């Protein structure tokens, strides 16, 4: 068994954390980002909920891009998530509609991260706790706007 007192790790501690809150259609929405050395965790919570967890590997698998994600041309629709990112539910999301909406949020957030930092390769973990799983355009853009303030 290794003697932990002798291990010297050069890791930032505590992990970089940022919080943002906002009112979306009368519902207090809290966003928190925690950036660990091996993953980025983002939680989106309304009324204390947090019941659906997803992950999106941000590692670049595109050959010839020298460790960076291929960002689409401006002619492409910049509002759509990048096609090479896959969101997978790891906990929850089995309520009808939650899994699809959760994957949309997770892929959109992942796209924003790799657009901002193309060489990012950590695992993105997204925790969702939205009041409803309805695909409401205004709610979606308001949540994504809060997340963008937090990344």
N, C-alpha and C. Protein backbone atom coordinates (compact mmCIF):
# COMPACT_ATOMS: atom_id res chain seq x y z
N UNK A 1 0.85 -1.18 0.00
CA UNK A 1 0.00 0.00 0.00
C UNK A 1 0.89 1.24 0.00
N UNK A 2 0.58 2.18 -0.87
CA UNK A 2 1.39 3.39 -1.01
C UNK A 2 1.16 4.33 0.17
N UNK A 3 2.23 4.99 0.56
CA UNK A 3 2.14 5.99 1.62
C UNK A 3 1.67 7.29 0.97
N UNK A 4 0.45 7.66 1.23
CA UNK A 4 -0.15 8.83 0.60
C UNK A 4 0.59 10.11 0.97
N UNK A 5 1.16 10.19 2.13
CA UNK A 5 1.85 11.40 2.56
C UNK A 5 3.07 11.70 1.70
N UNK A 6 3.59 10.72 0.99
CA UNK A 6 4.76 10.91 0.15
C UNK A 6 4.41 11.29 -1.28
N UNK A 7 3.17 11.14 -1.67
CA UNK A 7 2.77 11.47 -3.03
C UNK A 7 2.71 12.98 -3.19
N UNK A 8 3.31 13.44 -4.25
CA UNK A 8 3.30 14.87 -4.54
C UNK A 8 2.59 15.08 -5.86
N UNK A 9 1.40 15.63 -5.80
CA UNK A 9 0.62 15.90 -7.00
C UNK A 9 0.55 17.39 -7.23
N UNK A 10 0.80 17.79 -8.44
CA UNK A 10 0.73 19.20 -8.79
C UNK A 10 -0.63 19.48 -9.42
N UNK A 11 -1.68 19.41 -8.64
CA UNK A 11 -3.04 19.63 -9.12
C UNK A 11 -3.63 20.85 -8.42
N UNK A 12 -4.42 21.63 -9.15
CA UNK A 12 -5.07 22.77 -8.50
C UNK A 12 -6.11 22.27 -7.49
N UNK A 13 -6.07 22.82 -6.31
CA UNK A 13 -7.06 22.46 -5.30
C UNK A 13 -7.45 23.70 -4.55
N UNK A 14 -8.66 23.95 -4.29
CA UNK A 14 -9.77 23.13 -4.76
C UNK A 14 -9.99 23.33 -6.25
N UNK A 15 -10.78 22.48 -6.85
CA UNK A 15 -11.08 22.57 -8.28
C UNK A 15 -11.76 23.91 -8.56
N UNK A 16 -11.45 24.47 -9.73
CA UNK A 16 -12.05 25.75 -10.11
C UNK A 16 -13.57 25.60 -10.18
N UNK A 17 -14.27 26.46 -9.46
CA UNK A 17 -15.73 26.37 -9.37
C UNK A 17 -16.34 27.73 -9.69
N UNK A 18 -17.43 27.69 -10.43
CA UNK A 18 -18.15 28.92 -10.74
C UNK A 18 -19.64 28.65 -10.68
N UNK A 19 -20.40 29.61 -10.14
CA UNK A 19 -21.86 29.47 -10.02
C UNK A 19 -22.55 30.67 -10.64
N UNK A 20 -23.68 30.39 -11.26
CA UNK A 20 -24.53 31.43 -11.83
C UNK A 20 -25.97 31.04 -11.55
N UNK A 21 -26.79 32.03 -11.23
CA UNK A 21 -28.22 31.79 -11.01
C UNK A 21 -29.02 32.77 -11.84
N UNK A 22 -30.20 32.34 -12.21
CA UNK A 22 -31.08 33.22 -12.97
C UNK A 22 -32.51 32.75 -12.89
N UNK A 23 -33.40 33.63 -13.26
CA UNK A 23 -34.83 33.32 -13.27
C UNK A 23 -35.22 32.98 -14.71
N UNK A 24 -35.73 31.78 -14.91
CA UNK A 24 -36.18 31.36 -16.23
C UNK A 24 -37.66 31.03 -16.15
N UNK A 25 -38.47 31.88 -16.76
CA UNK A 25 -39.93 31.73 -16.74
C UNK A 25 -40.46 31.55 -15.31
N UNK A 26 -39.94 32.37 -14.40
CA UNK A 26 -40.41 32.35 -13.02
C UNK A 26 -39.82 31.25 -12.15
N UNK A 27 -38.86 30.50 -12.66
CA UNK A 27 -38.24 29.41 -11.90
C UNK A 27 -36.77 29.72 -11.67
N UNK A 28 -36.35 29.73 -10.42
CA UNK A 28 -34.94 29.94 -10.08
C UNK A 28 -34.12 28.78 -10.66
N UNK A 29 -33.12 29.11 -11.45
CA UNK A 29 -32.28 28.11 -12.10
C UNK A 29 -30.84 28.35 -11.67
N UNK A 30 -30.22 27.31 -11.13
CA UNK A 30 -28.85 27.40 -10.63
C UNK A 30 -27.93 26.55 -11.50
N UNK A 31 -26.83 27.15 -11.93
CA UNK A 31 -25.82 26.48 -12.74
C UNK A 31 -24.51 26.50 -11.95
N UNK A 32 -23.82 25.36 -11.93
CA UNK A 32 -22.52 25.30 -11.28
C UNK A 32 -21.56 24.51 -12.16
N UNK A 33 -20.38 25.04 -12.34
CA UNK A 33 -19.32 24.36 -13.10
C UNK A 33 -18.16 24.09 -12.16
N UNK A 34 -17.70 22.85 -12.16
CA UNK A 34 -16.51 22.47 -11.39
C UNK A 34 -15.54 21.85 -12.39
N UNK A 35 -14.36 22.42 -12.50
CA UNK A 35 -13.36 21.93 -13.45
C UNK A 35 -12.27 21.17 -12.70
N UNK A 36 -12.32 19.85 -12.82
CA UNK A 36 -11.31 18.98 -12.24
C UNK A 36 -10.22 18.76 -13.28
N UNK A 37 -9.13 18.12 -12.88
CA UNK A 37 -8.03 17.89 -13.82
C UNK A 37 -8.42 16.91 -14.92
N UNK A 38 -9.37 16.00 -14.65
CA UNK A 38 -9.73 14.99 -15.64
C UNK A 38 -11.17 15.10 -16.15
N UNK A 39 -11.96 16.02 -15.60
CA UNK A 39 -13.33 16.16 -16.06
C UNK A 39 -13.87 17.54 -15.75
N UNK A 40 -14.92 17.89 -16.45
CA UNK A 40 -15.65 19.13 -16.20
C UNK A 40 -17.06 18.71 -15.80
N UNK A 41 -17.52 19.18 -14.65
CA UNK A 41 -18.86 18.84 -14.19
C UNK A 41 -19.72 20.10 -14.18
N UNK A 42 -20.86 20.01 -14.84
CA UNK A 42 -21.80 21.12 -14.88
C UNK A 42 -23.14 20.62 -14.37
N UNK A 43 -23.69 21.32 -13.37
CA UNK A 43 -25.02 20.97 -12.88
C UNK A 43 -25.99 22.10 -13.20
N UNK A 44 -27.18 21.72 -13.60
CA UNK A 44 -28.26 22.64 -13.93
C UNK A 44 -29.44 22.21 -13.08
N UNK A 45 -29.83 23.05 -12.13
CA UNK A 45 -30.85 22.66 -11.17
C UNK A 45 -31.96 23.70 -11.06
N UNK A 46 -33.19 23.22 -11.05
CA UNK A 46 -34.35 24.07 -10.78
C UNK A 46 -35.09 23.46 -9.59
N UNK A 47 -35.41 24.30 -8.62
CA UNK A 47 -36.15 23.89 -7.42
C UNK A 47 -35.49 22.71 -6.72
N UNK A 48 -34.16 22.71 -6.66
CA UNK A 48 -33.42 21.68 -5.94
C UNK A 48 -33.35 20.33 -6.63
N UNK A 49 -33.84 20.22 -7.84
CA UNK A 49 -33.82 18.95 -8.57
C UNK A 49 -32.43 18.70 -9.16
N UNK A 50 -32.09 17.41 -9.26
CA UNK A 50 -30.87 16.98 -9.94
C UNK A 50 -30.97 15.47 -10.13
N UNK A 51 -31.76 15.05 -11.12
CA UNK A 51 -32.06 13.62 -11.25
C UNK A 51 -31.59 12.95 -12.52
N UNK A 52 -30.95 13.67 -13.44
CA UNK A 52 -30.50 13.06 -14.69
C UNK A 52 -29.05 13.44 -14.92
N UNK A 53 -28.21 12.44 -15.06
CA UNK A 53 -26.78 12.66 -15.26
C UNK A 53 -26.36 12.08 -16.60
N UNK A 54 -25.58 12.85 -17.34
CA UNK A 54 -25.08 12.43 -18.65
C UNK A 54 -23.59 12.70 -18.72
N UNK A 55 -22.92 12.01 -19.63
CA UNK A 55 -21.52 12.34 -19.88
C UNK A 55 -21.27 12.44 -21.38
N UNK A 56 -20.31 13.30 -21.72
CA UNK A 56 -19.92 13.51 -23.11
C UNK A 56 -18.39 13.52 -23.15
N UNK A 57 -17.79 12.51 -23.76
CA UNK A 57 -16.33 12.54 -23.92
C UNK A 57 -15.95 13.67 -24.88
N UNK A 58 -15.05 14.53 -24.46
CA UNK A 58 -14.63 15.64 -25.31
C UNK A 58 -13.34 15.33 -26.06
N UNK A 59 -12.82 14.13 -25.86
CA UNK A 59 -11.58 13.78 -26.55
C UNK A 59 -11.81 13.80 -28.05
N UNK A 60 -10.84 14.35 -28.75
CA UNK A 60 -10.95 14.49 -30.20
C UNK A 60 -10.60 13.18 -30.87
N UNK A 61 -11.48 12.68 -31.70
CA UNK A 61 -11.24 11.44 -32.43
C UNK A 61 -11.11 11.69 -33.92
N UNK A 62 -11.05 12.94 -34.34
CA UNK A 62 -10.93 13.25 -35.76
C UNK A 62 -9.47 13.23 -36.19
N UNK A 63 -9.11 12.33 -37.12
CA UNK A 63 -7.72 12.29 -37.57
C UNK A 63 -7.37 13.56 -38.35
N UNK A 64 -6.14 14.00 -38.17
CA UNK A 64 -5.65 15.14 -38.93
C UNK A 64 -6.00 16.49 -38.34
N UNK A 65 -6.54 16.53 -37.13
CA UNK A 65 -6.90 17.82 -36.53
C UNK A 65 -5.93 18.24 -35.45
N UNK A 66 -4.83 17.50 -35.30
CA UNK A 66 -3.75 17.85 -34.38
C UNK A 66 -4.23 18.13 -32.95
N UNK A 67 -5.11 17.26 -32.44
CA UNK A 67 -5.54 17.37 -31.06
C UNK A 67 -6.62 18.39 -30.80
N UNK A 68 -7.13 19.03 -31.83
CA UNK A 68 -8.20 19.99 -31.66
C UNK A 68 -9.45 19.51 -32.38
N UNK A 69 -10.59 19.91 -31.87
CA UNK A 69 -11.84 19.57 -32.52
C UNK A 69 -11.99 20.38 -33.80
N UNK A 70 -12.66 19.79 -34.78
CA UNK A 70 -12.93 20.50 -36.03
C UNK A 70 -14.18 21.34 -35.82
N UNK A 71 -14.00 22.64 -35.86
CA UNK A 71 -15.11 23.56 -35.67
C UNK A 71 -15.74 23.80 -37.04
N UNK A 72 -17.08 23.70 -37.15
CA UNK A 72 -17.72 23.86 -38.45
C UNK A 72 -17.50 25.25 -39.02
N UNK A 73 -17.61 25.34 -40.33
CA UNK A 73 -17.51 26.62 -41.01
C UNK A 73 -18.69 27.50 -40.63
N UNK A 74 -18.52 28.81 -40.83
CA UNK A 74 -19.61 29.73 -40.51
C UNK A 74 -20.84 29.48 -41.38
N UNK A 75 -20.65 28.83 -42.55
CA UNK A 75 -21.78 28.53 -43.42
C UNK A 75 -22.68 27.47 -42.79
N UNK A 76 -22.12 26.62 -41.91
CA UNK A 76 -22.91 25.62 -41.21
C UNK A 76 -23.77 26.32 -40.17
N UNK A 77 -24.80 25.64 -39.70
CA UNK A 77 -25.67 26.22 -38.68
C UNK A 77 -24.97 26.16 -37.34
N UNK A 78 -24.49 27.30 -36.85
CA UNK A 78 -23.73 27.38 -35.61
C UNK A 78 -24.54 27.10 -34.36
N UNK A 79 -25.86 27.00 -34.49
CA UNK A 79 -26.69 26.72 -33.32
C UNK A 79 -26.81 25.23 -33.05
N UNK A 80 -26.46 24.39 -34.01
CA UNK A 80 -26.55 22.95 -33.82
C UNK A 80 -25.31 22.44 -33.10
N UNK A 81 -25.48 21.42 -32.24
CA UNK A 81 -24.29 20.85 -31.57
C UNK A 81 -23.38 20.17 -32.59
N UNK A 82 -22.10 20.07 -32.26
CA UNK A 82 -21.15 19.39 -33.13
C UNK A 82 -21.56 17.93 -33.29
N UNK A 83 -21.45 17.42 -34.51
CA UNK A 83 -21.94 16.07 -34.81
C UNK A 83 -21.07 14.96 -34.24
N UNK A 84 -19.81 15.24 -33.90
CA UNK A 84 -18.93 14.18 -33.39
C UNK A 84 -18.99 14.00 -31.88
N UNK A 85 -19.89 14.70 -31.21
CA UNK A 85 -20.04 14.59 -29.75
C UNK A 85 -21.25 13.72 -29.43
N UNK A 86 -21.06 12.78 -28.51
CA UNK A 86 -22.13 11.86 -28.14
C UNK A 86 -22.40 11.96 -26.65
N UNK A 87 -23.66 12.23 -26.31
CA UNK A 87 -24.07 12.29 -24.91
C UNK A 87 -24.73 10.97 -24.53
N UNK A 88 -24.34 10.45 -23.37
CA UNK A 88 -24.89 9.19 -22.88
C UNK A 88 -25.42 9.39 -21.47
N UNK A 89 -26.64 8.93 -21.23
CA UNK A 89 -27.20 8.98 -19.87
C UNK A 89 -26.47 7.97 -19.00
N UNK A 90 -26.09 8.41 -17.80
CA UNK A 90 -25.44 7.49 -16.87
C UNK A 90 -26.29 7.25 -15.63
N UNK A 91 -27.26 8.13 -15.40
CA UNK A 91 -28.16 7.96 -14.26
C UNK A 91 -29.42 8.77 -14.53
N UNK A 92 -30.57 8.17 -14.34
CA UNK A 92 -31.83 8.87 -14.52
C UNK A 92 -32.17 9.04 -15.99
N UNK A 93 -33.06 9.98 -16.26
CA UNK A 93 -33.43 10.28 -17.63
C UNK A 93 -34.42 9.32 -18.24
N UNK A 94 -35.03 8.46 -17.46
CA UNK A 94 -35.93 7.46 -18.01
C UNK A 94 -37.38 7.94 -18.11
N UNK A 95 -37.66 9.11 -17.58
CA UNK A 95 -38.99 9.68 -17.73
C UNK A 95 -39.15 10.06 -19.20
N UNK A 96 -40.31 9.78 -19.81
CA UNK A 96 -40.47 10.09 -21.24
C UNK A 96 -40.06 11.53 -21.55
N UNK A 97 -39.19 11.67 -22.53
CA UNK A 97 -38.73 12.98 -22.96
C UNK A 97 -37.47 13.46 -22.28
N UNK A 98 -37.17 13.00 -21.09
CA UNK A 98 -36.00 13.49 -20.36
C UNK A 98 -34.70 13.12 -21.05
N UNK A 99 -34.60 11.89 -21.55
CA UNK A 99 -33.33 11.46 -22.13
C UNK A 99 -32.97 12.26 -23.37
N UNK A 100 -33.93 12.48 -24.25
CA UNK A 100 -33.65 13.21 -25.48
C UNK A 100 -33.31 14.67 -25.19
N UNK A 101 -34.10 15.30 -24.32
CA UNK A 101 -33.83 16.69 -23.96
C UNK A 101 -32.49 16.80 -23.23
N UNK A 102 -32.21 15.86 -22.35
CA UNK A 102 -30.93 15.86 -21.64
C UNK A 102 -29.75 15.73 -22.59
N UNK A 103 -29.86 14.85 -23.58
CA UNK A 103 -28.79 14.69 -24.56
C UNK A 103 -28.59 15.97 -25.37
N UNK A 104 -29.68 16.64 -25.70
CA UNK A 104 -29.58 17.90 -26.44
C UNK A 104 -28.81 18.94 -25.62
N UNK A 105 -29.20 19.09 -24.33
CA UNK A 105 -28.48 20.03 -23.46
C UNK A 105 -27.00 19.67 -23.35
N UNK A 106 -26.70 18.40 -23.09
CA UNK A 106 -25.32 17.98 -22.88
C UNK A 106 -24.47 18.19 -24.13
N UNK A 107 -25.01 17.85 -25.30
CA UNK A 107 -24.26 18.04 -26.55
C UNK A 107 -24.06 19.52 -26.87
N UNK A 108 -25.07 20.34 -26.57
CA UNK A 108 -24.95 21.77 -26.83
C UNK A 108 -23.88 22.39 -25.92
N UNK A 109 -23.88 21.98 -24.66
CA UNK A 109 -22.88 22.48 -23.71
C UNK A 109 -21.48 22.01 -24.13
N UNK A 110 -21.36 20.74 -24.52
CA UNK A 110 -20.07 20.21 -24.98
C UNK A 110 -19.59 20.97 -26.20
N UNK A 111 -20.50 21.27 -27.11
CA UNK A 111 -20.14 22.03 -28.31
C UNK A 111 -19.61 23.42 -27.95
N UNK A 112 -20.26 24.06 -26.99
CA UNK A 112 -19.82 25.39 -26.56
C UNK A 112 -18.41 25.32 -25.96
N UNK A 113 -18.16 24.28 -25.17
CA UNK A 113 -16.84 24.13 -24.54
C UNK A 113 -15.75 23.93 -25.58
N UNK A 114 -15.97 23.00 -26.54
CA UNK A 114 -14.91 22.73 -27.51
C UNK A 114 -14.80 23.83 -28.57
N UNK A 115 -15.84 24.62 -28.75
CA UNK A 115 -15.73 25.77 -29.64
C UNK A 115 -14.86 26.83 -28.98
N UNK A 116 -15.05 27.00 -27.67
CA UNK A 116 -14.26 27.97 -26.92
C UNK A 116 -12.81 27.50 -26.76
N UNK A 117 -12.64 26.19 -26.53
CA UNK A 117 -11.31 25.61 -26.30
C UNK A 117 -11.19 24.34 -27.14
N UNK A 118 -10.80 24.45 -28.41
CA UNK A 118 -10.78 23.30 -29.32
C UNK A 118 -9.89 22.13 -28.87
N UNK A 119 -8.87 22.38 -28.07
CA UNK A 119 -7.99 21.30 -27.62
C UNK A 119 -8.50 20.60 -26.36
N UNK A 120 -9.66 20.99 -25.84
CA UNK A 120 -10.21 20.38 -24.62
C UNK A 120 -10.46 18.90 -24.84
N UNK A 121 -10.02 18.05 -23.90
CA UNK A 121 -10.23 16.61 -24.05
C UNK A 121 -10.70 15.93 -22.77
N UNK A 122 -11.09 16.72 -21.77
CA UNK A 122 -11.61 16.12 -20.54
C UNK A 122 -13.02 15.58 -20.78
N UNK A 123 -13.48 14.76 -19.86
CA UNK A 123 -14.84 14.23 -19.90
C UNK A 123 -15.78 15.28 -19.33
N UNK A 124 -16.87 15.55 -20.03
CA UNK A 124 -17.90 16.46 -19.54
C UNK A 124 -18.99 15.63 -18.86
N UNK A 125 -19.32 15.99 -17.63
CA UNK A 125 -20.41 15.34 -16.89
C UNK A 125 -21.44 16.42 -16.63
N UNK A 126 -22.68 16.17 -17.06
CA UNK A 126 -23.76 17.15 -16.91
C UNK A 126 -24.84 16.55 -16.02
N UNK A 127 -25.19 17.28 -14.96
CA UNK A 127 -26.30 16.90 -14.09
C UNK A 127 -27.46 17.84 -14.36
N UNK A 128 -28.61 17.28 -14.69
CA UNK A 128 -29.80 18.08 -15.02
C UNK A 128 -30.89 17.88 -13.98
N UNK A 129 -31.53 18.95 -13.65
CA UNK A 129 -32.67 18.88 -12.74
C UNK A 129 -33.70 19.91 -13.14
N UNK A 130 -34.15 19.83 -14.38
CA UNK A 130 -35.14 20.78 -14.87
C UNK A 130 -36.54 20.41 -14.38
N UNK A 131 -37.35 21.42 -14.17
CA UNK A 131 -38.71 21.19 -13.67
C UNK A 131 -39.53 20.37 -14.65
N UNK A 132 -39.31 20.60 -15.95
CA UNK A 132 -40.06 19.88 -16.97
C UNK A 132 -39.12 19.44 -18.09
N UNK A 133 -39.49 18.39 -18.78
CA UNK A 133 -38.69 17.89 -19.89
C UNK A 133 -39.21 18.41 -21.23
N UNK A 134 -40.11 19.37 -21.18
CA UNK A 134 -40.63 19.92 -22.42
C UNK A 134 -39.50 20.59 -23.20
N UNK A 135 -39.53 20.43 -24.50
CA UNK A 135 -38.52 21.05 -25.36
C UNK A 135 -38.95 22.47 -25.70
N UNK A 136 -38.91 23.35 -24.72
CA UNK A 136 -39.30 24.74 -24.90
C UNK A 136 -38.10 25.54 -25.37
N UNK A 137 -38.21 26.16 -26.53
CA UNK A 137 -37.09 26.89 -27.14
C UNK A 137 -36.58 28.01 -26.24
N UNK A 138 -37.47 28.79 -25.65
CA UNK A 138 -37.06 29.91 -24.80
C UNK A 138 -36.32 29.43 -23.56
N UNK A 139 -36.82 28.35 -22.95
CA UNK A 139 -36.17 27.79 -21.77
C UNK A 139 -34.79 27.25 -22.15
N UNK A 140 -34.72 26.54 -23.27
CA UNK A 140 -33.45 25.97 -23.73
C UNK A 140 -32.40 27.06 -23.89
N UNK A 141 -32.73 28.12 -24.63
CA UNK A 141 -31.75 29.17 -24.87
C UNK A 141 -31.40 29.94 -23.59
N UNK A 142 -32.37 30.09 -22.69
CA UNK A 142 -32.09 30.77 -21.42
C UNK A 142 -31.13 29.93 -20.56
N UNK A 143 -31.34 28.61 -20.53
CA UNK A 143 -30.44 27.73 -19.76
C UNK A 143 -29.06 27.74 -20.38
N UNK A 144 -28.98 27.62 -21.70
CA UNK A 144 -27.67 27.62 -22.36
C UNK A 144 -26.96 28.94 -22.13
N UNK A 145 -27.70 30.05 -22.15
CA UNK A 145 -27.10 31.36 -21.87
C UNK A 145 -26.49 31.40 -20.47
N UNK A 146 -27.18 30.85 -19.48
CA UNK A 146 -26.62 30.80 -18.12
C UNK A 146 -25.37 29.92 -18.08
N UNK A 147 -25.42 28.78 -18.78
CA UNK A 147 -24.26 27.89 -18.80
C UNK A 147 -23.07 28.60 -19.44
N UNK A 148 -23.30 29.35 -20.52
CA UNK A 148 -22.20 30.06 -21.19
C UNK A 148 -21.54 31.07 -20.25
N UNK A 149 -22.31 31.63 -19.32
CA UNK A 149 -21.76 32.56 -18.34
C UNK A 149 -20.88 31.82 -17.32
N UNK A 150 -21.08 30.51 -17.24
CA UNK A 150 -20.41 29.72 -16.20
C UNK A 150 -19.20 28.93 -16.72
N UNK A 151 -19.03 28.84 -18.03
CA UNK A 151 -17.89 28.05 -18.55
C UNK A 151 -16.74 28.95 -18.95
